[in-house]
PDB file of N, CA and C in Angstrom:
ATOM      1  N   MET A   1       1.000  -0.896  -0.084  1.00  0.00           N
ATOM      2  CA  MET A   1       0.361   0.586  -0.249  1.00  0.00           C
ATOM      3  C   MET A   1       0.898   1.554  -0.321  1.00  0.00           C
ATOM      4  N   PRO A   2       0.661   2.068  -1.134  1.00  0.00           N
ATOM      5  CA  PRO A   2       1.488   3.240  -1.356  1.00  0.00           C
ATOM      6  C   PRO A   2       1.363   4.125   0.080  1.00  0.00           C
ATOM      7  N   GLY A   3       2.695   4.519   0.750  1.00  0.00           N
ATOM      8  CA  GLY A   3       2.319   5.530   1.744  1.00  0.00           C
ATOM      9  C   GLY A   3       2.329   5.708   2.904  1.00  0.00           C
ATOM     10  N   THR A   4       2.629   3.944   3.303  1.00  0.00           N
ATOM     11  CA  THR A   4       2.573   3.295   4.491  1.00  0.00           C
ATOM     12  C   THR A   4       3.826   3.465   5.387  1.00  0.00           C
ATOM     13  N   LEU A   5       4.804   3.603   4.668  1.00  0.00           N
ATOM     14  CA  LEU A   5       5.781   3.609   5.307  1.00  0.00           C
ATOM     15  C   LEU A   5       6.781   2.413   5.521  1.00  0.00           C
ATOM     16  N   ASN A   6       5.904   1.277   5.375  1.00  0.00           N
ATOM     17  CA  ASN A   6       6.372  -0.013   5.648  1.00  0.00           C
ATOM     18  C   ASN A   6       7.751  -0.411   5.164  1.00  0.00           C
ATOM     19  N   GLU A   7       7.972  -0.296   3.834  1.00  0.00           N
ATOM     20  CA  GLU A   7       9.482  -0.430   3.271  1.00  0.00           C
ATOM     21  C   GLU A   7      10.158   0.704   4.172  1.00  0.00           C
ATOM     22  N   GLU A   8      10.651   2.109   3.810  1.00  0.00           N
ATOM     23  CA  GLU A   8      11.124   2.236   4.985  1.00  0.00           C
ATOM     24  C   GLU A   8      11.568   2.043   5.841  1.00  0.00           C
ATOM     25  N   VAL A   9      10.644   1.564   7.370  1.00  0.00           N
ATOM     26  CA  VAL A   9      10.624   1.688   8.593  1.00  0.00           C
ATOM     27  C   VAL A   9      11.549   0.204   8.575  1.00  0.00           C
ATOM     28  N   ALA A  10      11.061  -1.021   7.753  1.00  0.00           N
ATOM     29  CA  ALA A  10      11.784  -2.180   7.361  1.00  0.00           C
ATOM     30  C   ALA A  10      13.225  -1.555   7.734  1.00  0.00           C
ATOM     31  N   TYR A  11      13.391  -0.917   6.502  1.00  0.00           N
ATOM     32  CA  TYR A  11      15.043  -0.708   5.727  1.00  0.00           C
ATOM     33  C   TYR A  11      15.749   0.200   6.988  1.00  0.00           C
ATOM     34  N   PHE A  12      15.169   0.930   7.811  1.00  0.00           N
ATOM     35  CA  PHE A  12      15.639   1.240   8.787  1.00  0.00           C
ATOM     36  C   PHE A  12      15.863   0.378   9.849  1.00  0.00           C
ATOM     37  N   THR A  13      14.791  -0.187  10.179  1.00  0.00           N
ATOM     38  CA  THR A  13      15.494  -1.499  11.308  1.00  0.00           C
ATOM     39  C   THR A  13      16.557  -2.290  10.572  1.00  0.00           C
ATOM     40  N   GLU A  14      16.272  -2.406   9.741  1.00  0.00           N
ATOM     41  CA  GLU A  14      17.315  -3.302   8.753  1.00  0.00           C
ATOM     42  C   GLU A  14      19.295  -2.664   9.505  1.00  0.00           C
ATOM     43  N   LYS A  15      19.556  -1.383   9.186  1.00  0.00           N
ATOM     44  CA  LYS A  15      20.541  -0.950   8.681  1.00  0.00           C
ATOM     45  C   LYS A  15      20.738   0.151  10.318  1.00  0.00           C
ATOM     46  N   LYS A  16      20.344  -0.140  11.207  1.00  0.00           N
ATOM     47  CA  LYS A  16      20.098   0.458  13.056  1.00  0.00           C
ATOM     48  C   LYS A  16      21.693   0.497  13.378  1.00  0.00           C
ATOM     49  N   ALA A  17      21.566  -0.741  13.362  1.00  0.00           N
ATOM     50  CA  ALA A  17      22.530  -1.092  14.190  1.00  0.00           C
ATOM     51  C   ALA A  17      24.188  -0.129  13.721  1.00  0.00           C
ATOM     52  N   GLU A  18      24.062  -0.588  12.210  1.00  0.00           N
ATOM     53  CA  GLU A  18      24.990   0.428  11.378  1.00  0.00           C
ATOM     54  C   GLU A  18      24.947   1.825  11.629  1.00  0.00           C
ATOM     55  N   LEU A  19      23.935   2.382  11.172  1.00  0.00           N
ATOM     56  CA  LEU A  19      23.640   3.748  11.705  1.00  0.00           C
ATOM     57  C   LEU A  19      24.034   4.491  12.602  1.00  0.00           C
ATOM     58  N   LEU A  20      23.752   3.538  14.035  1.00  0.00           N
ATOM     59  CA  LEU A  20      24.331   3.916  15.426  1.00  0.00           C
ATOM     60  C   LEU A  20      25.470   3.855  15.301  1.00  0.00           C
ATOM     61  N   LYS A  21      26.823   3.750  14.469  1.00  0.00           N
ATOM     62  CA  LYS A  21      28.193   3.277  14.810  1.00  0.00           C
ATOM     63  C   LYS A  21      28.942   4.594  14.324  1.00  0.00           C
ATOM     64  N   ILE A  22      27.803   4.787  13.777  1.00  0.00           N
ATOM     65  CA  ILE A  22      28.643   6.269  12.670  1.00  0.00           C
ATOM     66  C   ILE A  22      27.287   7.783  13.255  1.00  0.00           C
ATOM     67  N   HIS A  23      26.219   6.944  13.159  1.00  0.00           N
ATOM     68  CA  HIS A  23      25.679   8.950  13.085  1.00  0.00           C
ATOM     69  C   HIS A  23      24.468   8.965  14.284  1.00  0.00           C
ATOM     70  N   ARG A  24      24.522   7.980  15.817  1.00  0.00           N
ATOM     71  CA  ARG A  24      24.007   8.138  16.814  1.00  0.00           C
ATOM     72  C   ARG A  24      23.328   9.402  17.067  1.00  0.00           C
ATOM     73  N   GLY A  25      22.354   9.341  17.401  1.00  0.00           N
ATOM     74  CA  GLY A  25      21.451  11.155  18.031  1.00  0.00           C
ATOM     75  C   GLY A  25      20.819  11.897  16.142  1.00  0.00           C
ATOM     76  N   GLN A  26      21.352  11.531  14.766  1.00  0.00           N
ATOM     77  CA  GLN A  26      21.184  12.263  13.721  1.00  0.00           C
ATOM     78  C   GLN A  26      20.242  11.725  13.481  1.00  0.00           C
ATOM     79  N   PHE A  27      19.573  12.488  12.142  1.00  0.00           N
ATOM     80  CA  PHE A  27      18.474  12.193  11.808  1.00  0.00           C
ATOM     81  C   PHE A  27      18.578  11.441  10.424  1.00  0.00           C
ATOM     82  N   ALA A  28      17.992  10.321  10.059  1.00  0.00           N
ATOM     83  CA  ALA A  28      17.903  10.044   8.972  1.00  0.00           C
ATOM     84  C   ALA A  28      16.735   9.929   7.955  1.00  0.00           C
ATOM     85  N   LEU A  29      17.302  10.445   6.515  1.00  0.00           N
ATOM     86  CA  LEU A  29      16.486  10.119   5.600  1.00  0.00           C
ATOM     87  C   LEU A  29      16.221   9.428   4.621  1.00  0.00           C
ATOM     88  N   ILE A  30      15.144   9.101   4.626  1.00  0.00           N
ATOM     89  CA  ILE A  30      15.067   7.468   4.078  1.00  0.00           C
ATOM     90  C   ILE A  30      13.719   7.558   2.825  1.00  0.00           C
ATOM     91  N   LYS A  31      13.992   7.227   1.620  1.00  0.00           N
ATOM     92  CA  LYS A  31      12.871   6.795   0.844  1.00  0.00           C
ATOM     93  C   LYS A  31      12.649   5.143   0.121  1.00  0.00           C
ATOM     94  N   GLY A  32      12.052   4.630   0.003  1.00  0.00           N
ATOM     95  CA  GLY A  32      11.963   3.279   0.152  1.00  0.00           C
ATOM     96  C   GLY A  32      12.956   2.254   0.291  1.00  0.00           C
ATOM     97  N   ARG A  33      13.975   1.827   0.112  1.00  0.00           N
ATOM     98  CA  ARG A  33      15.336   1.283   0.517  1.00  0.00           C
ATOM     99  C   ARG A  33      16.528   1.995   0.360  1.00  0.00           C
ATOM    100  N   ASP A  34      16.091   3.176   0.031  1.00  0.00           N
ATOM    101  CA  ASP A  34      17.505   4.170   0.081  1.00  0.00           C
ATOM    102  C   ASP A  34      17.869   5.036   1.676  1.00  0.00           C
ATOM    103  N   LEU A  35      19.148   5.644   1.576  1.00  0.00           N
ATOM    104  CA  LEU A  35      19.357   6.251   2.553  1.00  0.00           C
ATOM    105  C   LEU A  35      19.820   7.265   2.328  1.00  0.00           C
ATOM    106  N   ILE A  36      19.008   8.393   2.176  1.00  0.00           N
ATOM    107  CA  ILE A  36      18.704   9.826   1.120  1.00  0.00           C
ATOM    108  C   ILE A  36      19.722  10.445   1.596  1.00  0.00           C
ATOM    109  N   GLY A  37      20.044  10.313   3.147  1.00  0.00           N
ATOM    110  CA  GLY A  37      21.202  11.079   4.225  1.00  0.00           C
ATOM    111  C   GLY A  37      21.034  10.714   5.212  1.00  0.00           C
ATOM    112  N   VAL A  38      22.279  11.517   5.632  1.00  0.00           N
ATOM    113  CA  VAL A  38      21.870  12.081   7.555  1.00  0.00           C
ATOM    114  C   VAL A  38      21.685  13.270   8.117  1.00  0.00           C
ATOM    115  N   TYR A  39      21.046  13.791   8.918  1.00  0.00           N
ATOM    116  CA  TYR A  39      21.091  15.137   9.125  1.00  0.00           C
ATOM    117  C   TYR A  39      21.087  15.722  10.592  1.00  0.00           C
ATOM    118  N   LYS A  40      21.633  16.394  11.452  1.00  0.00           N
ATOM    119  CA  LYS A  40      21.535  17.062  12.358  1.00  0.00           C
ATOM    120  C   LYS A  40      20.621  17.149  13.235  1.00  0.00           C
ATOM    121  N   THR A  41      19.528  18.114  12.690  1.00  0.00           N
ATOM    122  CA  THR A  41      18.100  18.088  12.873  1.00  0.00           C
ATOM    123  C   THR A  41      17.553  17.968  12.068  1.00  0.00           C
ATOM    124  N   PRO A  42      15.705  17.646  13.163  1.00  0.00           N
ATOM    125  CA  PRO A  42      15.024  16.881  12.038  1.00  0.00           C
ATOM    126  C   PRO A  42      14.188  18.020  10.781  1.00  0.00           C
ATOM    127  N   GLU A  43      14.691  19.214  11.213  1.00  0.00           N
ATOM    128  CA  GLU A  43      13.700  19.782  10.360  1.00  0.00           C
ATOM    129  C   GLU A  43      14.963  20.170   9.106  1.00  0.00           C
ATOM    130  N   ARG A  44      15.666  19.549   9.276  1.00  0.00           N
ATOM    131  CA  ARG A  44      17.228  19.546   8.018  1.00  0.00           C
ATOM    132  C   ARG A  44      16.622  18.329   6.877  1.00  0.00           C
ATOM    133  N   ALA A  45      16.145  17.616   7.988  1.00  0.00           N
ATOM    134  CA  ALA A  45      16.216  16.220   7.096  1.00  0.00           C
ATOM    135  C   ALA A  45      14.728  16.651   6.567  1.00  0.00           C
ATOM    136  N   TYR A  46      13.866  16.998   7.011  1.00  0.00           N
ATOM    137  CA  TYR A  46      11.964  17.027   6.177  1.00  0.00           C
ATOM    138  C   TYR A  46      12.403  18.092   5.558  1.00  0.00           C
ATOM    139  N   THR A  47      13.093  18.626   5.578  1.00  0.00           N
ATOM    140  CA  THR A  47      12.959  19.969   4.377  1.00  0.00           C
ATOM    141  C   THR A  47      13.791  19.513   2.681  1.00  0.00           C
ATOM    142  N   GLU A  48      14.872  18.834   3.420  1.00  0.00           N
ATOM    143  CA  GLU A  48      15.763  18.120   2.243  1.00  0.00           C
ATOM    144  C   GLU A  48      14.393  16.763   1.439  1.00  0.00           C
ATOM    145  N   GLY A  49      13.603  16.336   2.389  1.00  0.00           N
ATOM    146  CA  GLY A  49      13.148  15.185   1.730  1.00  0.00           C
ATOM    147  C   GLY A  49      11.691  16.202   0.925  1.00  0.00           C
ATOM    148  N   VAL A  50      11.277  17.026   1.454  1.00  0.00           N
ATOM    149  CA  VAL A  50      10.399  17.785   0.855  1.00  0.00           C
ATOM    150  C   VAL A  50      10.723  18.388  -0.663  1.00  0.00           C
ATOM    151  N   MET A  51      12.473  18.935  -0.526  1.00  0.00           N
ATOM    152  CA  MET A  51      12.735  19.593  -1.820  1.00  0.00           C
ATOM    153  C   MET A  51      12.881  18.085  -2.890  1.00  0.00           C
ATOM    154  N   ARG A  52      12.933  17.135  -2.352  1.00  0.00           N
ATOM    155  CA  ARG A  52      13.283  16.155  -3.663  1.00  0.00           C
ATOM    156  C   ARG A  52      12.066  15.654  -3.388  1.00  0.00           C
ATOM    157  N   PHE A  53      10.775  14.661  -2.408  1.00  0.00           N
ATOM    158  CA  PHE A  53       9.742  14.011  -3.059  1.00  0.00           C
ATOM    159  C   PHE A  53       8.813  15.413  -2.880  1.00  0.00           C
ATOM    160  N   GLY A  54       8.721  16.030  -2.753  1.00  0.00           N
ATOM    161  CA  GLY A  54       6.960  17.195  -2.164  1.00  0.00           C
ATOM    162  C   GLY A  54       6.293  16.360  -1.755  1.00  0.00           C
ATOM    163  N   ARG A  55       5.067  15.438  -2.294  1.00  0.00           N
ATOM    164  CA  ARG A  55       3.939  15.416  -1.607  1.00  0.00           C
ATOM    165  C   ARG A  55       3.682  13.946  -0.947  1.00  0.00           C
ATOM    166  N   ASP A  56       4.867  13.210  -1.697  1.00  0.00           N
ATOM    167  CA  ASP A  56       5.323  11.705  -1.688  1.00  0.00           C
ATOM    168  C   ASP A  56       5.974  11.580  -0.556  1.00  0.00           C
ATOM    169  N   SER A  57       5.316  10.661  -0.014  1.00  0.00           N
ATOM    170  CA  SER A  57       6.112  10.138   1.480  1.00  0.00           C
ATOM    171  C   SER A  57       7.653   9.715   1.390  1.00  0.00           C
ATOM    172  N   PHE A  58       7.675   9.538   2.572  1.00  0.00           N
ATOM    173  CA  PHE A  58       9.201   9.776   3.266  1.00  0.00           C
ATOM    174  C   PHE A  58       9.801   9.394   4.386  1.00  0.00           C
ATOM    175  N   LEU A  59      10.197   8.940   4.966  1.00  0.00           N
ATOM    176  CA  LEU A  59      10.514   8.488   6.710  1.00  0.00           C
ATOM    177  C   LEU A  59      11.525   9.369   7.211  1.00  0.00           C
ATOM    178  N   VAL A  60      11.102  10.577   8.425  1.00  0.00           N
ATOM    179  CA  VAL A  60      12.422  10.882   8.944  1.00  0.00           C
ATOM    180  C   VAL A  60      12.350  10.437  10.435  1.00  0.00           C
ATOM    181  N   GLN A  61      14.030   9.602  10.522  1.00  0.00           N
ATOM    182  CA  GLN A  61      14.015   9.254  12.040  1.00  0.00           C
ATOM    183  C   GLN A  61      14.942   9.049  12.433  1.00  0.00           C
ATOM    184  N   GLN A  62      14.984   9.467  13.967  1.00  0.00           N
ATOM    185  CA  GLN A  62      16.053  10.006  14.426  1.00  0.00           C
ATOM    186  C   GLN A  62      16.709   8.431  15.021  1.00  0.00           C
ATOM    187  N   ILE A  63      18.187   8.499  15.061  1.00  0.00           N
ATOM    188  CA  ILE A  63      19.301   7.363  15.038  1.00  0.00           C
ATOM    189  C   ILE A  63      19.335   6.941  16.575  1.00  0.00           C
ATOM    190  N   VAL A  64      18.614   6.375  16.786  1.00  0.00           N
ATOM    191  CA  VAL A  64      18.899   5.810  18.711  1.00  0.00           C
ATOM    192  C   VAL A  64      18.640   4.530  19.014  1.00  0.00           C
ATOM    193  N   GLU A  65      19.024   4.624  19.507  1.00  0.00           N
ATOM    194  CA  GLU A  65      18.533   2.993  20.734  1.00  0.00           C
ATOM    195  C   GLU A  65      17.990   2.695  20.716  1.00  0.00           C
ATOM    196  N   HIS A  66      17.113   3.635  21.444  1.00  0.00           N
ATOM    197  CA  HIS A  66      15.584   2.702  22.103  1.00  0.00           C
ATOM    198  C   HIS A  66      14.684   4.263  21.933  1.00  0.00           C
ATOM    199  N   GLU A  67      13.616   4.173  20.704  1.00  0.00           N
ATOM    200  CA  GLU A  67      12.475   5.436  20.819  1.00  0.00           C
ATOM    201  C   GLU A  67      12.053   5.872  21.756  1.00  0.00           C
ATOM    202  N   GLN A  68      11.939   7.009  21.875  1.00  0.00           N
ATOM    203  CA  GLN A  68      10.687   7.027  22.706  1.00  0.00           C
ATOM    204  C   GLN A  68       9.448   7.578  22.569  1.00  0.00           C
ATOM    205  N   ALA A  69       8.775   6.980  23.278  1.00  0.00           N
ATOM    206  CA  ALA A  69       7.002   6.784  22.682  1.00  0.00           C
ATOM    207  C   ALA A  69       6.654   8.735  23.206  1.00  0.00           C
ATOM    208  N   GLU A  70       5.977   9.090  22.074  1.00  0.00           N
ATOM    209  CA  GLU A  70       5.275  10.499  22.512  1.00  0.00           C
ATOM    210  C   GLU A  70       3.974  10.823  22.977  1.00  0.00           C
ATOM    211  N   PHE A  71       3.292  11.219  23.580  1.00  0.00           N
ATOM    212  CA  PHE A  71       2.394  11.136  23.924  1.00  0.00           C
ATOM    213  C   PHE A  71       1.422  12.389  24.041  1.00  0.00           C
ATOM    214  N   VAL A  72       0.288  12.337  22.993  1.00  0.00           N
ATOM    215  CA  VAL A  72      -0.046  13.677  22.933  1.00  0.00           C
ATOM    216  C   VAL A  72      -2.417  13.475  23.567  1.00  0.00           C
ATOM    217  N   PRO A  73      -1.960  14.561  24.355  1.00  0.00           N
ATOM    218  CA  PRO A  73      -4.087  13.897  24.692  1.00  0.00           C
ATOM    219  C   PRO A  73      -4.706  14.504  23.970  1.00  0.00           C
ATOM    220  N   LEU A  74      -5.706  13.268  24.282  1.00  0.00           N
ATOM    221  CA  LEU A  74      -6.639  13.842  22.997  1.00  0.00           C
ATOM    222  C   LEU A  74      -6.723  15.337  22.851  1.00  0.00           C
ATOM    223  N   PHE A  75      -7.575  15.775  24.152  1.00  0.00           N
ATOM    224  CA  PHE A  75      -7.986  17.402  23.801  1.00  0.00           C
ATOM    225  C   PHE A  75      -7.343  18.159  23.256  1.00  0.00           C
ATOM    226  N   ALA A  76      -5.780  18.052  23.271  1.00  0.00           N
ATOM    227  CA  ALA A  76      -5.347  18.979  22.470  1.00  0.00           C
ATOM    228  C   ALA A  76      -5.361  18.732  20.912  1.00  0.00           C
ATOM    229  N   TYR A  77      -6.249  18.113  20.445  1.00  0.00           N
ATOM    230  CA  TYR A  77      -6.680  17.735  18.958  1.00  0.00           C
ATOM    231  C   TYR A  77      -8.246  18.791  18.869  1.00  0.00           C
ATOM    232  N   ARG A  78      -8.334  19.443  17.474  1.00  0.00           N
ATOM    233  CA  ARG A  78      -9.689  20.212  17.858  1.00  0.00           C
ATOM    234  C   ARG A  78     -10.529  20.023  16.058  1.00  0.00           C
ATOM    235  N   ALA A  79     -11.025  19.072  16.221  1.00  0.00           N
ATOM    236  CA  ALA A  79     -12.386  18.518  15.044  1.00  0.00           C
ATOM    237  C   ALA A  79     -12.447  19.780  14.049  1.00  0.00           C
ATOM    238  N   ASN A  80     -12.708  20.280  12.938  1.00  0.00           N
ATOM    239  CA  ASN A  80     -12.998  21.079  12.197  1.00  0.00           C
ATOM    240  C   ASN A  80     -14.228  20.565  11.782  1.00  0.00           C
ATOM    241  N   LEU A  81     -14.991  21.427  12.523  1.00  0.00           N
ATOM    242  CA  LEU A  81     -16.800  21.167  12.816  1.00  0.00           C
ATOM    243  C   LEU A  81     -18.035  22.061  11.815  1.00  0.00           C
TER     244      LEU A  81
END
């Protein structure tokens, strides 16, 4: 299914140990099964992704040993009625 990022996530998982050795804490930009680049900030990785791929999906993932879950309270979202 296009746009689900399954391929990108699988690729990141496969390469994570290798990436941790050199790029720990930085942000990987991945499209399909290609590592496009590694950036110091998520904003830089995202900007590069938009410049290269426009509205097409891509993954920006921080290269860390264990990812932290982010919790956003439900009341933070407002439905457009």
